[in-house]
Amino acid sequence: MAPTTTANPRVAVITGASSGIGEATAVALARKRYAVLLAARRLEALRRVAAACGAAGAPHAEAVVTDVADRRQVDALVSGAVDRFGRLDVMVNNAGRGLRARVDETTDEQMRSIFQVNYFGAFYGARAAARVMIAQRSGHIFNVSSVIGKRGTPLNGAYCATKFALCGLTESMRVELKPFGVRVTSVCPTLTATEFFGAREGGTPQSGRRFSRLRGLMPAALVGRKIAATVGKSTPELVFSPGGKTLALLAALSPRLTDAMMGVYYRQQKTDDVEAGRGQGGVMKG
């Protein structure tokens, strides 16, 4: 592959780039002079992020309206990047959505819908990128999971299931693609200061307050900078906070103790719901 220049820059595709971790990662890569293709469903938000990336130094920043639940759109996103630049160096599969509900109250439709975005959307992106990167014998794929993709939490069963699945997919790909010079990293943030709580079904910005007091909200910019700094390194997994690392380790060593901790969190969440007048059960609509 030809060396990178201003006329032939390194190229990154980021899904879920209209806000939060996706936006922060795009700006961080722009500062490293990547050409960035920004994918999400909200065009105006993408245009705002593209302008920020241009100001940060990206030689090219383009908004590409994409619904990651549609395989054809994700394939077109990746092939469009290669058609334009002849290469793909970084793929960040970040798009996702949430659902706050007990598992027994989760409908078939809700479960399929969240898997379609969080898991299949990432799968489509990772697979399309892998095929390009195998051919060029280089590249780095980041799949954004979550620390609760390593330990399930109450009222997040559907979300956790998608993130557990994504961690498993990433671990498999990491070994499969290593002989081709392609790196694959699982990104497992703890609670991050994004639009997630307000945007998830059954969620409000207030619904994460109890857990955020226990864990602390992580700035999205920190996650974005760490992803950008990890490009090209053989880093299997990014787990950011000491609390997140402790939770993952404790879940493996003592599931019973972790269950007890999660029971405290669950009772606090139910108390919050009662105080907010939502009742103690049911899928909450944001």
C-alpha atoms as a PDB file:
ATOM      1  CA  MET A   1       0.000   0.000   0.000  1.00  0.00           C
ATOM      2  CA  ALA A   2       1.234   3.489  -0.811  1.00  0.00           C
ATOM      3  CA  PRO A   3       2.339   5.666   2.117  1.00  0.00           C
ATOM      4  CA  THR A   4      -0.129   8.188   3.448  1.00  0.00           C
ATOM      5  CA  THR A   5       0.034  11.793   2.292  1.00  0.00           C
ATOM      6  CA  THR A   6      -2.377  14.704   2.289  1.00  0.00           C
ATOM      7  CA  ALA A   7      -3.531  13.499  -1.120  1.00  0.00           C
ATOM      8  CA  ASN A   8      -3.599   9.883   0.057  1.00  0.00           C
ATOM      9  CA  PRO A   9      -4.602  10.045   3.725  1.00  0.00           C
ATOM     10  CA  ARG A  10      -5.290   7.268   6.151  1.00  0.00           C
ATOM     11  CA  VAL A  11      -9.018   6.543   6.213  1.00  0.00           C
ATOM     12  CA  ALA A  12     -11.397   5.843   9.087  1.00  0.00           C
ATOM     13  CA  VAL A  13     -15.090   4.959   9.064  1.00  0.00           C
ATOM     14  CA  ILE A  14     -17.015   5.574  12.289  1.00  0.00           C
ATOM     15  CA  THR A  15     -20.617   4.519  12.878  1.00  0.00           C
ATOM     16  CA  GLY A  16     -22.778   6.186  15.482  1.00  0.00           C
ATOM     17  CA  ALA A  17     -20.708   9.286  14.738  1.00  0.00           C
ATOM     18  CA  SER A  18     -23.405  11.900  15.322  1.00  0.00           C
ATOM     19  CA  SER A  19     -22.720  12.189  19.070  1.00  0.00           C
ATOM     20  CA  GLY A  20     -20.985  10.707  22.088  1.00  0.00           C
ATOM     21  CA  ILE A  21     -18.169   8.219  21.658  1.00  0.00           C
ATOM     22  CA  GLY A  22     -18.516   8.149  17.875  1.00  0.00           C
ATOM     23  CA  GLU A  23     -18.188  11.924  17.613  1.00  0.00           C
ATOM     24  CA  ALA A  24     -15.280  12.012  20.046  1.00  0.00           C
ATOM     25  CA  THR A  25     -13.446   9.252  18.187  1.00  0.00           C
ATOM     26  CA  ALA A  26     -13.960  10.983  14.847  1.00  0.00           C
ATOM     27  CA  VAL A  27     -12.500  14.245  16.174  1.00  0.00           C
ATOM     28  CA  ALA A  28      -9.571  12.421  17.778  1.00  0.00           C
ATOM     29  CA  LEU A  29      -8.767  10.685  14.489  1.00  0.00           C
ATOM     30  CA  ALA A  30      -9.197  13.964  12.619  1.00  0.00           C
ATOM     31  CA  ARG A  31      -6.475  15.451  14.809  1.00  0.00           C
ATOM     32  CA  LYS A  32      -4.237  12.657  13.569  1.00  0.00           C
ATOM     33  CA  ARG A  33      -5.030  13.726   9.993  1.00  0.00           C
ATOM     34  CA  TYR A  34      -7.311  10.834   9.097  1.00  0.00           C
ATOM     35  CA  ALA A  35      -9.922  11.253   6.428  1.00  0.00           C
ATOM     36  CA  VAL A  36     -13.115  10.402   8.289  1.00  0.00           C
ATOM     37  CA  LEU A  37     -16.420   9.077   7.001  1.00  0.00           C
ATOM     38  CA  LEU A  38     -19.103   9.697   9.588  1.00  0.00           C
ATOM     39  CA  ALA A  39     -22.109   7.398   9.655  1.00  0.00           C
ATOM     40  CA  ALA A  40     -25.392   7.738  11.543  1.00  0.00           C
ATOM     41  CA  ARG A  41     -29.032   8.454  10.760  1.00  0.00           C
ATOM     42  CA  ARG A  42     -29.101  12.165  11.689  1.00  0.00           C
ATOM     43  CA  LEU A  43     -27.744  14.231   8.805  1.00  0.00           C
ATOM     44  CA  GLU A  44     -27.624  17.610  10.528  1.00  0.00           C
ATOM     45  CA  ALA A  45     -25.799  16.174  13.524  1.00  0.00           C
ATOM     46  CA  LEU A  46     -23.327  14.455  11.189  1.00  0.00           C
ATOM     47  CA  ARG A  47     -22.700  17.714   9.351  1.00  0.00           C
ATOM     48  CA  ARG A  48     -21.907  19.405  12.651  1.00  0.00           C
ATOM     49  CA  VAL A  49     -19.417  16.653  13.519  1.00  0.00           C
ATOM     50  CA  ALA A  50     -17.907  16.819  10.020  1.00  0.00           C
ATOM     51  CA  ALA A  51     -17.299  20.543  10.486  1.00  0.00           C
ATOM     52  CA  ALA A  52     -15.626  19.860  13.838  1.00  0.00           C
ATOM     53  CA  CYS A  53     -13.426  17.199  12.229  1.00  0.00           C
ATOM     54  CA  GLY A  54     -12.425  19.585   9.463  1.00  0.00           C
ATOM     55  CA  ALA A  55     -11.481  22.201  12.042  1.00  0.00           C
ATOM     56  CA  ALA A  56      -9.461  19.564  13.911  1.00  0.00           C
ATOM     57  CA  GLY A  57      -7.351  18.831  10.841  1.00  0.00           C
ATOM     58  CA  ALA A  58      -9.085  16.077   8.876  1.00  0.00           C
ATOM     59  CA  PRO A  59      -8.155  16.328   5.172  1.00  0.00           C
ATOM     60  CA  HIS A  60     -11.637  15.018   4.389  1.00  0.00           C
ATOM     61  CA  ALA A  61     -14.717  14.723   6.601  1.00  0.00           C
ATOM     62  CA  GLU A  62     -17.909  13.401   5.090  1.00  0.00           C
ATOM     63  CA  ALA A  63     -21.360  12.727   6.507  1.00  0.00           C
ATOM     64  CA  VAL A  64     -22.905   9.499   5.228  1.00  0.00           C
ATOM     65  CA  VAL A  65     -26.458   8.877   6.395  1.00  0.00           C
ATOM     66  CA  THR A  66     -26.512   5.196   7.332  1.00  0.00           C
ATOM     67  CA  ASP A  67     -28.849   2.873   9.173  1.00  0.00           C
ATOM     68  CA  VAL A  68     -26.531   0.149  10.475  1.00  0.00           C
ATOM     69  CA  ALA A  69     -29.480  -2.226  10.839  1.00  0.00           C
ATOM     70  CA  ASP A  70     -29.524  -2.422   7.031  1.00  0.00           C
ATOM     71  CA  ARG A  71     -26.649  -4.580   5.750  1.00  0.00           C
ATOM     72  CA  ARG A  72     -26.768  -3.026   2.304  1.00  0.00           C
ATOM     73  CA  GLN A  73     -26.259   0.447   3.718  1.00  0.00           C
ATOM     74  CA  VAL A  74     -23.284  -0.668   5.811  1.00  0.00           C
ATOM     75  CA  ASP A  75     -21.721  -2.469   2.860  1.00  0.00           C
ATOM     76  CA  ALA A  76     -22.212   0.667   0.752  1.00  0.00           C
ATOM     77  CA  LEU A  77     -20.611   2.798   3.467  1.00  0.00           C
ATOM     78  CA  VAL A  78     -17.448   0.690   3.500  1.00  0.00           C
ATOM     79  CA  SER A  79     -17.246   0.173  -0.257  1.00  0.00           C
ATOM     80  CA  GLY A  80     -17.785   3.914  -0.754  1.00  0.00           C
ATOM     81  CA  ALA A  81     -14.778   4.669   1.435  1.00  0.00           C
ATOM     82  CA  VAL A  82     -12.621   2.268  -0.558  1.00  0.00           C
ATOM     83  CA  ASP A  83     -13.898   3.551  -3.894  1.00  0.00           C
ATOM     84  CA  ARG A  84     -13.030   7.111  -2.901  1.00  0.00           C
ATOM     85  CA  PHE A  85      -9.673   6.558  -1.202  1.00  0.00           C
ATOM     86  CA  GLY A  86      -8.523   3.094  -2.249  1.00  0.00           C
ATOM     87  CA  ARG A  87      -8.018   1.996   1.331  1.00  0.00           C
ATOM     88  CA  LEU A  88      -9.585   1.563   4.761  1.00  0.00           C
ATOM     89  CA  ASP A  89      -7.333   1.839   7.792  1.00  0.00           C
ATOM     90  CA  VAL A  90      -9.739   2.057  10.743  1.00  0.00           C
ATOM     91  CA  MET A  91     -13.307   0.855  11.238  1.00  0.00           C
ATOM     92  CA  VAL A  92     -15.064   1.885  14.447  1.00  0.00           C
ATOM     93  CA  ASN A  93     -18.351   0.049  14.970  1.00  0.00           C
ATOM     94  CA  ASN A  94     -19.938   2.254  17.583  1.00  0.00           C
ATOM     95  CA  ALA A  95     -23.627   2.670  16.705  1.00  0.00           C
ATOM     96  CA  GLY A  96     -25.968   1.381  19.381  1.00  0.00           C
ATOM     97  CA  ARG A  97     -29.175   1.873  21.282  1.00  0.00           C
ATOM     98  CA  GLY A  98     -30.497   0.907  24.688  1.00  0.00           C
ATOM     99  CA  LEU A  99     -33.542  -0.587  26.324  1.00  0.00           C
ATOM    100  CA  ARG A 100     -34.410  -0.341  30.011  1.00  0.00           C
ATOM    101  CA  ALA A 101     -36.704  -3.187  30.996  1.00  0.00           C
ATOM    102  CA  ARG A 102     -36.786  -6.478  32.853  1.00  0.00           C
ATOM    103  CA  VAL A 103     -36.162  -9.415  30.556  1.00  0.00           C
ATOM    104  CA  ASP A 104     -39.626 -10.894  31.174  1.00  0.00           C
ATOM    105  CA  GLU A 105     -41.186  -7.598  30.087  1.00  0.00           C
ATOM    106  CA  THR A 106     -39.118  -7.347  26.902  1.00  0.00           C
ATOM    107  CA  THR A 107     -41.060  -8.096  23.731  1.00  0.00           C
ATOM    108  CA  ASP A 108     -39.781 -10.176  20.839  1.00  0.00           C
ATOM    109  CA  GLU A 109     -39.812  -7.062  18.682  1.00  0.00           C
ATOM    110  CA  GLN A 110     -37.728  -5.070  21.174  1.00  0.00           C
ATOM    111  CA  MET A 111     -35.155  -7.825  21.499  1.00  0.00           C
ATOM    112  CA  ARG A 112     -34.827  -8.267  17.738  1.00  0.00           C
ATOM    113  CA  SER A 113     -34.616  -4.512  17.213  1.00  0.00           C
ATOM    114  CA  ILE A 114     -31.802  -3.950  19.689  1.00  0.00           C
ATOM    115  CA  PHE A 115     -29.852  -6.917  18.332  1.00  0.00           C
ATOM    116  CA  GLN A 116     -30.290  -5.617  14.805  1.00  0.00           C
ATOM    117  CA  VAL A 117     -28.557  -2.342  15.702  1.00  0.00           C
ATOM    118  CA  ASN A 118     -26.086  -3.231  18.460  1.00  0.00           C
ATOM    119  CA  TYR A 119     -24.953  -6.646  17.267  1.00  0.00           C
ATOM    120  CA  PHE A 120     -25.794  -7.059  13.604  1.00  0.00           C
ATOM    121  CA  GLY A 121     -24.901  -3.450  12.796  1.00  0.00           C
ATOM    122  CA  ALA A 122     -21.428  -4.032  14.248  1.00  0.00           C
ATOM    123  CA  PHE A 123     -21.192  -7.448  12.580  1.00  0.00           C
ATOM    124  CA  TYR A 124     -22.009  -5.964   9.175  1.00  0.00           C
ATOM    125  CA  GLY A 125     -19.385  -3.258   9.634  1.00  0.00           C
ATOM    126  CA  ALA A 126     -16.709  -5.586  10.981  1.00  0.00           C
ATOM    127  CA  ARG A 127     -17.267  -8.126   8.227  1.00  0.00           C
ATOM    128  CA  ALA A 128     -17.196  -5.560   5.429  1.00  0.00           C
ATOM    129  CA  ALA A 129     -14.068  -3.938   6.850  1.00  0.00           C
ATOM    130  CA  ALA A 130     -12.357  -7.293   7.409  1.00  0.00           C
ATOM    131  CA  ARG A 131     -12.749  -8.242   3.762  1.00  0.00           C
ATOM    132  CA  VAL A 132     -11.059  -5.006   2.688  1.00  0.00           C
ATOM    133  CA  MET A 133      -8.328  -5.185   5.301  1.00  0.00           C
ATOM    134  CA  ILE A 134      -7.496  -8.823   4.593  1.00  0.00           C
ATOM    135  CA  ALA A 135      -6.907  -7.897   0.956  1.00  0.00           C
ATOM    136  CA  GLN A 136      -4.686  -4.940   1.859  1.00  0.00           C
ATOM    137  CA  ARG A 137      -2.986  -6.852   4.708  1.00  0.00           C
ATOM    138  CA  SER A 138      -3.472  -4.088   7.234  1.00  0.00           C
ATOM    139  CA  GLY A 139      -6.098  -2.256   9.233  1.00  0.00           C
ATOM    140  CA  HIS A 140      -7.690  -2.002  12.650  1.00  0.00           C
ATOM    141  CA  ILE A 141     -11.288  -2.777  13.642  1.00  0.00           C
ATOM    142  CA  PHE A 142     -12.758  -1.444  16.894  1.00  0.00           C
ATOM    143  CA  ASN A 143     -16.029  -2.904  18.143  1.00  0.00           C
ATOM    144  CA  VAL A 144     -17.551  -0.746  20.876  1.00  0.00           C
ATOM    145  CA  SER A 145     -19.116  -3.027  23.458  1.00  0.00           C
ATOM    146  CA  SER A 146     -19.462  -2.131  27.138  1.00  0.00           C
ATOM    147  CA  VAL A 147     -18.239  -3.206  30.543  1.00  0.00           C
ATOM    148  CA  ILE A 148     -21.760  -4.633  30.946  1.00  0.00           C
ATOM    149  CA  GLY A 149     -20.931  -6.790  27.961  1.00  0.00           C
ATOM    150  CA  LYS A 150     -18.771  -8.619  30.505  1.00  0.00           C
ATOM    151  CA  ARG A 151     -21.195  -8.603  33.445  1.00  0.00           C
ATOM    152  CA  GLY A 152     -24.959  -8.355  33.052  1.00  0.00           C
ATOM    153  CA  THR A 153     -26.873  -5.766  35.071  1.00  0.00           C
ATOM    154  CA  PRO A 154     -30.567  -5.660  36.000  1.00  0.00           C
ATOM    155  CA  LEU A 155     -32.944  -3.731  33.724  1.00  0.00           C
ATOM    156  CA  ASN A 156     -30.367  -3.965  30.929  1.00  0.00           C
ATOM    157  CA  GLY A 157     -30.736  -7.624  29.956  1.00  0.00           C
ATOM    158  CA  ALA A 158     -31.377  -7.055  26.251  1.00  0.00           C
ATOM    159  CA  TYR A 159     -28.608  -4.479  25.960  1.00  0.00           C
ATOM    160  CA  CYS A 160     -26.161  -6.662  27.887  1.00  0.00           C
ATOM    161  CA  ALA A 161     -26.972  -9.621  25.651  1.00  0.00           C
ATOM    162  CA  THR A 162     -26.029  -7.645  22.543  1.00  0.00           C
ATOM    163  CA  LYS A 163     -22.780  -6.483  24.087  1.00  0.00           C
ATOM    164  CA  PHE A 164     -21.830  -9.958  25.341  1.00  0.00           C
ATOM    165  CA  ALA A 165     -22.395 -11.217  21.804  1.00  0.00           C
ATOM    166  CA  LEU A 166     -20.247  -8.441  20.391  1.00  0.00           C
ATOM    167  CA  CYS A 167     -17.397  -9.247  22.787  1.00  0.00           C
ATOM    168  CA  GLY A 168     -17.498 -12.876  21.648  1.00  0.00           C
ATOM    169  CA  LEU A 169     -17.500 -11.877  17.990  1.00  0.00           C
ATOM    170  CA  THR A 170     -14.544  -9.565  18.565  1.00  0.00           C
ATOM    171  CA  GLU A 171     -12.495 -12.213  20.363  1.00  0.00           C
ATOM    172  CA  SER A 172     -13.022 -14.637  17.487  1.00  0.00           C
ATOM    173  CA  MET A 173     -12.135 -12.068  14.835  1.00  0.00           C
ATOM    174  CA  ARG A 174      -9.021 -10.984  16.703  1.00  0.00           C
ATOM    175  CA  VAL A 175      -7.466 -14.429  16.322  1.00  0.00           C
ATOM    176  CA  GLU A 176      -8.814 -15.063  12.824  1.00  0.00           C
ATOM    177  CA  LEU A 177      -7.476 -11.811  11.361  1.00  0.00           C
ATOM    178  CA  LYS A 178      -4.072 -11.681  13.051  1.00  0.00           C
ATOM    179  CA  PRO A 179      -2.338 -13.700  10.285  1.00  0.00           C
ATOM    180  CA  PHE A 180      -3.460 -11.038   7.798  1.00  0.00           C
ATOM    181  CA  GLY A 181      -1.971  -8.149   9.756  1.00  0.00           C
ATOM    182  CA  VAL A 182      -5.404  -6.904  10.851  1.00  0.00           C
ATOM    183  CA  ARG A 183      -5.932  -5.899  14.477  1.00  0.00           C
ATOM    184  CA  VAL A 184      -9.270  -6.140  16.263  1.00  0.00           C
ATOM    185  CA  THR A 185      -9.985  -4.470  19.606  1.00  0.00           C
ATOM    186  CA  SER A 186     -12.982  -4.678  21.914  1.00  0.00           C
ATOM    187  CA  VAL A 187     -13.853  -1.336  23.503  1.00  0.00           C
ATOM    188  CA  CYS A 188     -15.632  -1.671  26.860  1.00  0.00           C
ATOM    189  CA  PRO A 189     -16.420   1.714  28.392  1.00  0.00           C
ATOM    190  CA  THR A 190     -18.180   2.146  31.695  1.00  0.00           C
ATOM    191  CA  LEU A 191     -20.953   4.726  31.955  1.00  0.00           C
ATOM    192  CA  THR A 192     -20.066   7.532  29.576  1.00  0.00           C
ATOM    193  CA  ALA A 193     -21.372  11.085  29.423  1.00  0.00           C
ATOM    194  CA  THR A 194     -23.388  10.778  26.201  1.00  0.00           C
ATOM    195  CA  GLU A 195     -27.001  10.981  25.033  1.00  0.00           C
ATOM    196  CA  PHE A 196     -27.440   7.273  25.789  1.00  0.00           C
ATOM    197  CA  PHE A 197     -29.633   7.445  28.888  1.00  0.00           C
ATOM    198  CA  GLY A 198     -32.051   9.934  27.394  1.00  0.00           C
ATOM    199  CA  ALA A 199     -32.176   8.184  24.036  1.00  0.00           C
ATOM    200  CA  ARG A 200     -32.637   4.587  25.135  1.00  0.00           C
ATOM    201  CA  GLU A 201     -36.126   3.159  25.166  1.00  0.00           C
ATOM    202  CA  GLY A 202     -37.489   3.250  28.691  1.00  0.00           C
ATOM    203  CA  GLY A 203     -34.766   5.681  29.712  1.00  0.00           C
ATOM    204  CA  THR A 204     -34.347   9.237  30.896  1.00  0.00           C
ATOM    205  CA  PRO A 205     -31.205  11.203  31.734  1.00  0.00           C
ATOM    206  CA  GLN A 206     -32.091  10.609  35.390  1.00  0.00           C
ATOM    207  CA  SER A 207     -32.328   6.833  35.118  1.00  0.00           C
ATOM    208  CA  GLY A 208     -28.561   6.352  35.268  1.00  0.00           C
ATOM    209  CA  ARG A 209     -27.944   8.606  38.253  1.00  0.00           C
ATOM    210  CA  ARG A 210     -27.703   5.894  40.900  1.00  0.00           C
ATOM    211  CA  PHE A 211     -25.205   3.813  38.965  1.00  0.00           C
ATOM    212  CA  SER A 212     -23.265   6.886  37.870  1.00  0.00           C
ATOM    213  CA  ARG A 213     -22.725   7.742  41.539  1.00  0.00           C
ATOM    214  CA  LEU A 214     -21.170   4.313  42.022  1.00  0.00           C
ATOM    215  CA  ARG A 215     -19.054   4.336  38.903  1.00  0.00           C
ATOM    216  CA  GLY A 216     -18.735   7.962  37.735  1.00  0.00           C
ATOM    217  CA  LEU A 217     -19.498   9.184  34.242  1.00  0.00           C
ATOM    218  CA  MET A 218     -16.565   8.962  31.863  1.00  0.00           C
ATOM    219  CA  PRO A 219     -16.079  11.768  29.311  1.00  0.00           C
ATOM    220  CA  ALA A 220     -16.697  10.567  25.763  1.00  0.00           C
ATOM    221  CA  ALA A 221     -13.576  12.464  24.688  1.00  0.00           C
ATOM    222  CA  LEU A 222     -11.447  10.188  26.883  1.00  0.00           C
ATOM    223  CA  VAL A 223     -12.787   7.103  25.109  1.00  0.00           C
ATOM    224  CA  GLY A 224     -12.301   8.700  21.695  1.00  0.00           C
ATOM    225  CA  ARG A 225      -8.709   9.693  22.415  1.00  0.00           C
ATOM    226  CA  LYS A 226      -7.891   6.222  23.717  1.00  0.00           C
ATOM    227  CA  ILE A 227      -9.307   4.553  20.607  1.00  0.00           C
ATOM    228  CA  ALA A 228      -7.292   6.885  18.365  1.00  0.00           C
ATOM    229  CA  ALA A 229      -4.135   6.231  20.396  1.00  0.00           C
ATOM    230  CA  THR A 230      -4.627   2.454  20.138  1.00  0.00           C
ATOM    231  CA  VAL A 231      -4.737   2.313  16.328  1.00  0.00           C
ATOM    232  CA  GLY A 232      -2.018  -0.002  15.058  1.00  0.00           C
ATOM    233  CA  LYS A 233      -1.354  -1.561  18.454  1.00  0.00           C
ATOM    234  CA  SER A 234      -2.041  -5.187  19.348  1.00  0.00           C
ATOM    235  CA  THR A 235      -4.448  -4.292  22.154  1.00  0.00           C
ATOM    236  CA  PRO A 236      -7.099  -6.966  22.656  1.00  0.00           C
ATOM    237  CA  GLU A 237      -9.407  -4.923  24.853  1.00  0.00           C
ATOM    238  CA  LEU A 238      -9.904  -1.451  26.272  1.00  0.00           C
ATOM    239  CA  VAL A 239     -11.562  -1.361  29.699  1.00  0.00           C
ATOM    240  CA  PHE A 240     -11.206   2.170  30.964  1.00  0.00           C
ATOM    241  CA  SER A 241     -11.943   2.771  34.615  1.00  0.00           C
ATOM    242  CA  PRO A 242     -10.684   0.946  37.714  1.00  0.00           C
ATOM    243  CA  GLY A 243     -14.344   0.388  38.619  1.00  0.00           C
ATOM    244  CA  GLY A 244     -15.032  -1.239  35.278  1.00  0.00           C
ATOM    245  CA  LYS A 245     -11.997  -3.475  35.538  1.00  0.00           C
ATOM    246  CA  THR A 246     -12.946  -4.426  39.085  1.00  0.00           C
ATOM    247  CA  LEU A 247     -16.500  -5.259  38.060  1.00  0.00           C
ATOM    248  CA  ALA A 248     -15.324  -7.512  35.214  1.00  0.00           C
ATOM    249  CA  LEU A 249     -12.805  -9.268  37.473  1.00  0.00           C
ATOM    250  CA  LEU A 250     -15.228  -9.638  40.360  1.00  0.00           C
ATOM    251  CA  ALA A 251     -17.895 -11.054  38.052  1.00  0.00           C
ATOM    252  CA  ALA A 252     -15.467 -13.776  36.977  1.00  0.00           C
ATOM    253  CA  LEU A 253     -14.139 -14.553  40.458  1.00  0.00           C
ATOM    254  CA  SER A 254     -17.300 -14.208  42.548  1.00  0.00           C
ATOM    255  CA  PRO A 255     -20.597 -14.177  40.651  1.00  0.00           C
ATOM    256  CA  ARG A 256     -22.537 -14.479  43.920  1.00  0.00           C
ATOM    257  CA  LEU A 257     -20.982 -11.352  45.429  1.00  0.00           C
ATOM    258  CA  THR A 258     -21.495  -9.468  42.163  1.00  0.00           C
ATOM    259  CA  ASP A 259     -25.149 -10.539  42.148  1.00  0.00           C
ATOM    260  CA  ALA A 260     -25.509  -9.075  45.641  1.00  0.00           C
ATOM    261  CA  MET A 261     -24.039  -5.769  44.461  1.00  0.00           C
ATOM    262  CA  MET A 262     -26.327  -5.712  41.463  1.00  0.00           C
ATOM    263  CA  GLY A 263     -29.256  -6.458  43.769  1.00  0.00           C
ATOM    264  CA  VAL A 264     -28.544  -3.229  45.646  1.00  0.00           C
ATOM    265  CA  TYR A 265     -28.432  -1.327  42.360  1.00  0.00           C
ATOM    266  CA  TYR A 266     -31.692  -2.949  41.210  1.00  0.00           C
ATOM    267  CA  ARG A 267     -33.524  -2.014  44.395  1.00  0.00           C
ATOM    268  CA  GLN A 268     -32.308   1.561  44.048  1.00  0.00           C
ATOM    269  CA  GLN A 269     -33.538   1.690  40.466  1.00  0.00           C
ATOM    270  CA  LYS A 270     -36.985   0.451  41.497  1.00  0.00           C
ATOM    271  CA  THR A 271     -37.085   3.109  44.216  1.00  0.00           C
ATOM    272  CA  ASP A 272     -36.241   5.763  41.630  1.00  0.00           C
ATOM    273  CA  ASP A 273     -39.076   4.512  39.425  1.00  0.00           C
ATOM    274  CA  VAL A 274     -41.592   4.688  42.258  1.00  0.00           C
ATOM    275  CA  GLU A 275     -40.468   8.197  43.185  1.00  0.00           C
ATOM    276  CA  ALA A 276     -40.840   9.230  39.545  1.00  0.00           C
ATOM    277  CA  GLY A 277     -44.372   7.797  39.458  1.00  0.00           C
ATOM    278  CA  ARG A 278     -43.568   5.072  36.947  1.00  0.00           C
ATOM    279  CA  GLY A 279     -44.459   2.087  39.088  1.00  0.00           C
ATOM    280  CA  GLN A 280     -42.220  -0.880  39.681  1.00  0.00           C
ATOM    281  CA  GLY A 281     -42.611  -2.761  36.462  1.00  0.00           C
ATOM    282  CA  GLY A 282     -43.194  -2.450  32.790  1.00  0.00           C
ATOM    283  CA  VAL A 283     -41.177  -1.187  29.887  1.00  0.00           C
ATOM    284  CA  MET A 284     -40.698   2.530  30.317  1.00  0.00           C
ATOM    285  CA  LYS A 285     -41.146   4.664  27.232  1.00  0.00           C
ATOM    286  CA  GLY A 286     -38.853   7.644  26.909  1.00  0.00           C
END
